[in-house]
Amino acid sequence: MDSNTIRERITLIEGKRESLVKLLEKPDLGTLRIDVNQAIEEIDELLEEFKRTFPDADQN
């Protein structure tokens, strides 16, 4: 997998993170809120790791 493919997939993941954040705004989420929070935390960790691995990614 080349770096451009990885960058494209990271962009998709960033978009999905925003969807999860919007989902947290729903009052009827119940116990699913725990899973959504966990997913957001894991995505944040992935994005941090990506930025450490590809420090020039912010320049594109």
PDB file of N, CA and C in Angstrom:
ATOM      1  N   MET A   1       0.855  -1.170   0.000  1.00  0.00           N
ATOM      2  CA  MET A   1       0.000   0.000   0.000  1.00  0.00           C
ATOM      3  C   MET A   1       0.904   1.237   0.000  1.00  0.00           C
ATOM      4  N   ASP A   2       0.667   2.136  -0.922  1.00  0.00           N
ATOM      5  CA  ASP A   2       1.515   3.325  -0.995  1.00  0.00           C
ATOM      6  C   ASP A   2       0.972   4.432  -0.090  1.00  0.00           C
ATOM      7  N   SER A   3       1.779   5.447   0.113  1.00  0.00           N
ATOM      8  CA  SER A   3       1.427   6.505   1.061  1.00  0.00           C
ATOM      9  C   SER A   3       0.194   7.302   0.605  1.00  0.00           C
ATOM     10  N   ASN A   4      -0.001   7.446  -0.692  1.00  0.00           N
ATOM     11  CA  ASN A   4      -1.184   8.171  -1.181  1.00  0.00           C
ATOM     12  C   ASN A   4      -2.471   7.431  -0.835  1.00  0.00           C
ATOM     13  N   THR A   5      -2.443   6.116  -0.953  1.00  0.00           N
ATOM     14  CA  THR A   5      -3.610   5.306  -0.589  1.00  0.00           C
ATOM     15  C   THR A   5      -3.904   5.441   0.893  1.00  0.00           C
ATOM     16  N   ILE A   6      -2.858   5.413   1.703  1.00  0.00           N
ATOM     17  CA  ILE A   6      -3.028   5.563   3.152  1.00  0.00           C
ATOM     18  C   ILE A   6      -3.619   6.936   3.463  1.00  0.00           C
ATOM     19  N   ARG A   7      -3.110   7.966   2.817  1.00  0.00           N
ATOM     20  CA  ARG A   7      -3.621   9.323   3.044  1.00  0.00           C
ATOM     21  C   ARG A   7      -5.112   9.421   2.678  1.00  0.00           C
ATOM     22  N   GLU A   8      -5.505   8.796   1.587  1.00  0.00           N
ATOM     23  CA  GLU A   8      -6.908   8.812   1.173  1.00  0.00           C
ATOM     24  C   GLU A   8      -7.788   8.122   2.209  1.00  0.00           C
ATOM     25  N   ARG A   9      -7.307   7.010   2.726  1.00  0.00           N
ATOM     26  CA  ARG A   9      -8.086   6.277   3.729  1.00  0.00           C
ATOM     27  C   ARG A   9      -8.169   7.052   5.044  1.00  0.00           C
ATOM     28  N   ILE A  10      -7.098   7.744   5.384  1.00  0.00           N
ATOM     29  CA  ILE A  10      -7.116   8.566   6.594  1.00  0.00           C
ATOM     30  C   ILE A  10      -8.145   9.684   6.447  1.00  0.00           C
ATOM     31  N   THR A  11      -8.229  10.263   5.267  1.00  0.00           N
ATOM     32  CA  THR A  11      -9.227  11.307   5.011  1.00  0.00           C
ATOM     33  C   THR A  11     -10.638  10.754   5.204  1.00  0.00           C
ATOM     34  N   LEU A  12     -10.884   9.541   4.738  1.00  0.00           N
ATOM     35  CA  LEU A  12     -12.188   8.909   4.939  1.00  0.00           C
ATOM     36  C   LEU A  12     -12.471   8.679   6.422  1.00  0.00           C
ATOM     37  N   ILE A  13     -11.465   8.245   7.141  1.00  0.00           N
ATOM     38  CA  ILE A  13     -11.615   7.990   8.580  1.00  0.00           C
ATOM     39  C   ILE A  13     -11.914   9.283   9.321  1.00  0.00           C
ATOM     40  N   GLU A  14     -11.263  10.371   8.925  1.00  0.00           N
ATOM     41  CA  GLU A  14     -11.536  11.674   9.549  1.00  0.00           C
ATOM     42  C   GLU A  14     -13.002  12.059   9.364  1.00  0.00           C
ATOM     43  N   GLY A  15     -13.534  11.779   8.200  1.00  0.00           N
ATOM     44  CA  GLY A  15     -14.943  12.067   7.943  1.00  0.00           C
ATOM     45  C   GLY A  15     -15.868  11.218   8.798  1.00  0.00           C
ATOM     46  N   LYS A  16     -15.506   9.974   8.989  1.00  0.00           N
ATOM     47  CA  LYS A  16     -16.312   9.090   9.830  1.00  0.00           C
ATOM     48  C   LYS A  16     -16.255   9.534  11.289  1.00  0.00           C
ATOM     49  N   ARG A  17     -15.124  10.091  11.700  1.00  0.00           N
ATOM     50  CA  ARG A  17     -14.998  10.595  13.074  1.00  0.00           C
ATOM     51  C   ARG A  17     -16.018  11.708  13.303  1.00  0.00           C
ATOM     52  N   GLU A  18     -16.152  12.587  12.319  1.00  0.00           N
ATOM     53  CA  GLU A  18     -17.119  13.672  12.437  1.00  0.00           C
ATOM     54  C   GLU A  18     -18.542  13.123  12.575  1.00  0.00           C
ATOM     55  N   SER A  19     -18.835  12.049  11.878  1.00  0.00           N
ATOM     56  CA  SER A  19     -20.160  11.427  11.998  1.00  0.00           C
ATOM     57  C   SER A  19     -20.386  10.896  13.405  1.00  0.00           C
ATOM     58  N   LEU A  20     -19.352  10.325  13.996  1.00  0.00           N
ATOM     59  CA  LEU A  20     -19.468   9.816  15.364  1.00  0.00           C
ATOM     60  C   LEU A  20     -19.671  10.949  16.362  1.00  0.00           C
ATOM     61  N   VAL A  21     -18.977  12.057  16.138  1.00  0.00           N
ATOM     62  CA  VAL A  21     -19.142  13.213  17.032  1.00  0.00           C
ATOM     63  C   VAL A  21     -20.582  13.712  16.961  1.00  0.00           C
ATOM     64  N   LYS A  22     -21.152  13.767  15.761  1.00  0.00           N
ATOM     65  CA  LYS A  22     -22.551  14.191  15.608  1.00  0.00           C
ATOM     66  C   LYS A  22     -23.497  13.205  16.288  1.00  0.00           C
ATOM     67  N   LEU A  23     -23.151  11.926  16.221  1.00  0.00           N
ATOM     68  CA  LEU A  23     -23.971  10.905  16.860  1.00  0.00           C
ATOM     69  C   LEU A  23     -24.011  11.106  18.374  1.00  0.00           C
ATOM     70  N   LEU A  24     -22.913  11.548  18.953  1.00  0.00           N
ATOM     71  CA  LEU A  24     -22.863  11.793  20.398  1.00  0.00           C
ATOM     72  C   LEU A  24     -23.851  12.879  20.831  1.00  0.00           C
ATOM     73  N   GLU A  25     -24.230  13.746  19.927  1.00  0.00           N
ATOM     74  CA  GLU A  25     -25.155  14.834  20.246  1.00  0.00           C
ATOM     75  C   GLU A  25     -26.593  14.344  20.433  1.00  0.00           C
ATOM     76  N   LYS A  26     -26.863  13.128  20.023  1.00  0.00           N
ATOM     77  CA  LYS A  26     -28.218  12.590  20.138  1.00  0.00           C
ATOM     78  C   LYS A  26     -28.482  12.169  21.589  1.00  0.00           C
ATOM     79  N   PRO A  27     -29.576  12.643  22.161  1.00  0.00           N
ATOM     80  CA  PRO A  27     -29.854  12.352  23.569  1.00  0.00           C
ATOM     81  C   PRO A  27     -30.287  10.910  23.847  1.00  0.00           C
ATOM     82  N   ASP A  28     -30.785  10.206  22.839  1.00  0.00           N
ATOM     83  CA  ASP A  28     -31.308   8.853  23.050  1.00  0.00           C
ATOM     84  C   ASP A  28     -30.287   7.749  22.734  1.00  0.00           C
ATOM     85  N   LEU A  29     -29.014   8.064  22.845  1.00  0.00           N
ATOM     86  CA  LEU A  29     -27.965   7.114  22.479  1.00  0.00           C
ATOM     87  C   LEU A  29     -27.820   5.984  23.501  1.00  0.00           C
ATOM     88  N   GLY A  30     -28.118   6.268  24.756  1.00  0.00           N
ATOM     89  CA  GLY A  30     -28.051   5.238  25.798  1.00  0.00           C
ATOM     90  C   GLY A  30     -26.645   4.715  26.011  1.00  0.00           C
ATOM     91  N   THR A  31     -26.547   3.409  26.222  1.00  0.00           N
ATOM     92  CA  THR A  31     -25.248   2.806  26.523  1.00  0.00           C
ATOM     93  C   THR A  31     -24.343   2.741  25.296  1.00  0.00           C
ATOM     94  N   LEU A  32     -24.901   2.956  24.126  1.00  0.00           N
ATOM     95  CA  LEU A  32     -24.095   2.990  22.904  1.00  0.00           C
ATOM     96  C   LEU A  32     -23.100   4.147  22.947  1.00  0.00           C
ATOM     97  N   ARG A  33     -23.394   5.151  23.777  1.00  0.00           N
ATOM     98  CA  ARG A  33     -22.515   6.310  23.935  1.00  0.00           C
ATOM     99  C   ARG A  33     -21.088   5.870  24.328  1.00  0.00           C
ATOM    100  N   ILE A  34     -20.980   4.839  25.136  1.00  0.00           N
ATOM    101  CA  ILE A  34     -19.671   4.332  25.564  1.00  0.00           C
ATOM    102  C   ILE A  34     -18.887   3.840  24.349  1.00  0.00           C
ATOM    103  N   ASP A  35     -19.539   3.082  23.493  1.00  0.00           N
ATOM    104  CA  ASP A  35     -18.880   2.546  22.293  1.00  0.00           C
ATOM    105  C   ASP A  35     -18.488   3.655  21.323  1.00  0.00           C
ATOM    106  N   VAL A  36     -19.349   4.638  21.183  1.00  0.00           N
ATOM    107  CA  VAL A  36     -19.055   5.756  20.282  1.00  0.00           C
ATOM    108  C   VAL A  36     -17.858   6.538  20.809  1.00  0.00           C
ATOM    109  N   ASN A  37     -17.830   6.796  22.113  1.00  0.00           N
ATOM    110  CA  ASN A  37     -16.675   7.481  22.707  1.00  0.00           C
ATOM    111  C   ASN A  37     -15.391   6.691  22.480  1.00  0.00           C
ATOM    112  N   GLN A  38     -15.457   5.377  22.662  1.00  0.00           N
ATOM    113  CA  GLN A  38     -14.287   4.525  22.458  1.00  0.00           C
ATOM    114  C   GLN A  38     -13.819   4.591  21.006  1.00  0.00           C
ATOM    115  N   ALA A  39     -14.756   4.561  20.084  1.00  0.00           N
ATOM    116  CA  ALA A  39     -14.401   4.631  18.662  1.00  0.00           C
ATOM    117  C   ALA A  39     -13.714   5.954  18.343  1.00  0.00           C
ATOM    118  N   ILE A  40     -14.220   7.045  18.907  1.00  0.00           N
ATOM    119  CA  ILE A  40     -13.607   8.354  18.677  1.00  0.00           C
ATOM    120  C   ILE A  40     -12.193   8.386  19.235  1.00  0.00           C
ATOM    121  N   GLU A  41     -12.003   7.839  20.437  1.00  0.00           N
ATOM    122  CA  GLU A  41     -10.667   7.797  21.034  1.00  0.00           C
ATOM    123  C   GLU A  41      -9.697   7.003  20.166  1.00  0.00           C
ATOM    124  N   GLU A  42     -10.153   5.869  19.643  1.00  0.00           N
ATOM    125  CA  GLU A  42      -9.288   5.034  18.808  1.00  0.00           C
ATOM    126  C   GLU A  42      -8.967   5.729  17.482  1.00  0.00           C
ATOM    127  N   ILE A  43      -9.924   6.417  16.916  1.00  0.00           N
ATOM    128  CA  ILE A  43      -9.668   7.170  15.686  1.00  0.00           C
ATOM    129  C   ILE A  43      -8.657   8.275  15.966  1.00  0.00           C
ATOM    130  N   ASP A  44      -8.808   8.964  17.095  1.00  0.00           N
ATOM    131  CA  ASP A  44      -7.860  10.024  17.451  1.00  0.00           C
ATOM    132  C   ASP A  44      -6.442   9.471  17.588  1.00  0.00           C
ATOM    133  N   GLU A  45      -6.319   8.300  18.202  1.00  0.00           N
ATOM    134  CA  GLU A  45      -5.005   7.662  18.327  1.00  0.00           C
ATOM    135  C   GLU A  45      -4.433   7.317  16.954  1.00  0.00           C
ATOM    136  N   LEU A  46      -5.276   6.797  16.075  1.00  0.00           N
ATOM    137  CA  LEU A  46      -4.848   6.460  14.718  1.00  0.00           C
ATOM    138  C   LEU A  46      -4.372   7.703  13.975  1.00  0.00           C
ATOM    139  N   LEU A  47      -5.115   8.796  14.104  1.00  0.00           N
ATOM    140  CA  LEU A  47      -4.746  10.035  13.422  1.00  0.00           C
ATOM    141  C   LEU A  47      -3.431  10.596  13.967  1.00  0.00           C
ATOM    142  N   GLU A  48      -3.224  10.499  15.278  1.00  0.00           N
ATOM    143  CA  GLU A  48      -1.960  10.950  15.861  1.00  0.00           C
ATOM    144  C   GLU A  48      -0.794  10.114  15.344  1.00  0.00           C
ATOM    145  N   GLU A  49      -1.000   8.810  15.292  1.00  0.00           N
ATOM    146  CA  GLU A  49       0.035   7.904  14.788  1.00  0.00           C
ATOM    147  C   GLU A  49       0.353   8.222  13.321  1.00  0.00           C
ATOM    148  N   PHE A  50      -0.674   8.482  12.538  1.00  0.00           N
ATOM    149  CA  PHE A  50      -0.483   8.826  11.132  1.00  0.00           C
ATOM    150  C   PHE A  50       0.351  10.101  11.006  1.00  0.00           C
ATOM    151  N   LYS A  51       0.018  11.103  11.811  1.00  0.00           N
ATOM    152  CA  LYS A  51       0.751  12.369  11.740  1.00  0.00           C
ATOM    153  C   LYS A  51       2.195  12.220  12.192  1.00  0.00           C
ATOM    154  N   ARG A  52       2.446  11.307  13.115  1.00  0.00           N
ATOM    155  CA  ARG A  52       3.840  11.040  13.516  1.00  0.00           C
ATOM    156  C   ARG A  52       4.591  10.311  12.413  1.00  0.00           C
ATOM    157  N   THR A  53       3.895   9.408  11.737  1.00  0.00           N
ATOM    158  CA  THR A  53       4.532   8.613  10.673  1.00  0.00           C
ATOM    159  C   THR A  53       4.723   9.425   9.406  1.00  0.00           C
ATOM    160  N   PHE A  54       3.752  10.282   9.089  1.00  0.00           N
ATOM    161  CA  PHE A  54       3.809  11.125   7.905  1.00  0.00           C
ATOM    162  C   PHE A  54       3.703  12.590   8.330  1.00  0.00           C
ATOM    163  N   PRO A  55       4.778  13.128   8.881  1.00  0.00           N
ATOM    164  CA  PRO A  55       4.716  14.516   9.404  1.00  0.00           C
ATOM    165  C   PRO A  55       4.417  15.551   8.326  1.00  0.00           C
ATOM    166  N   ASP A  56       4.675  15.254   7.075  1.00  0.00           N
ATOM    167  CA  ASP A  56       4.411  16.202   6.004  1.00  0.00           C
ATOM    168  C   ASP A  56       2.957  16.130   5.520  1.00  0.00           C
ATOM    169  N   ALA A  57       2.136  15.302   6.150  1.00  0.00           N
ATOM    170  CA  ALA A  57       0.749  15.116   5.703  1.00  0.00           C
ATOM    171  C   ALA A  57      -0.055  16.399   5.820  1.00  0.00           C
ATOM    172  N   ASP A  58       0.276  17.255   6.798  1.00  0.00           N
ATOM    173  CA  ASP A  58      -0.463  18.501   6.975  1.00  0.00           C
ATOM    174  C   ASP A  58      -0.167  19.504   5.881  1.00  0.00           C
ATOM    175  N   GLN A  59       0.893  19.289   5.130  1.00  0.00           N
ATOM    176  CA  GLN A  59       1.299  20.232   4.096  1.00  0.00           C
ATOM    177  C   GLN A  59       0.539  20.027   2.792  1.00  0.00           C
ATOM    178  N   ASN A  60      -0.192  18.926   2.662  1.00  0.00           N
ATOM    179  CA  ASN A  60      -0.906  18.627   1.413  1.00  0.00           C
ATOM    180  C   ASN A  60      -2.250  19.278   1.375  1.00  0.00           C
TER     181      ASN A  60
END
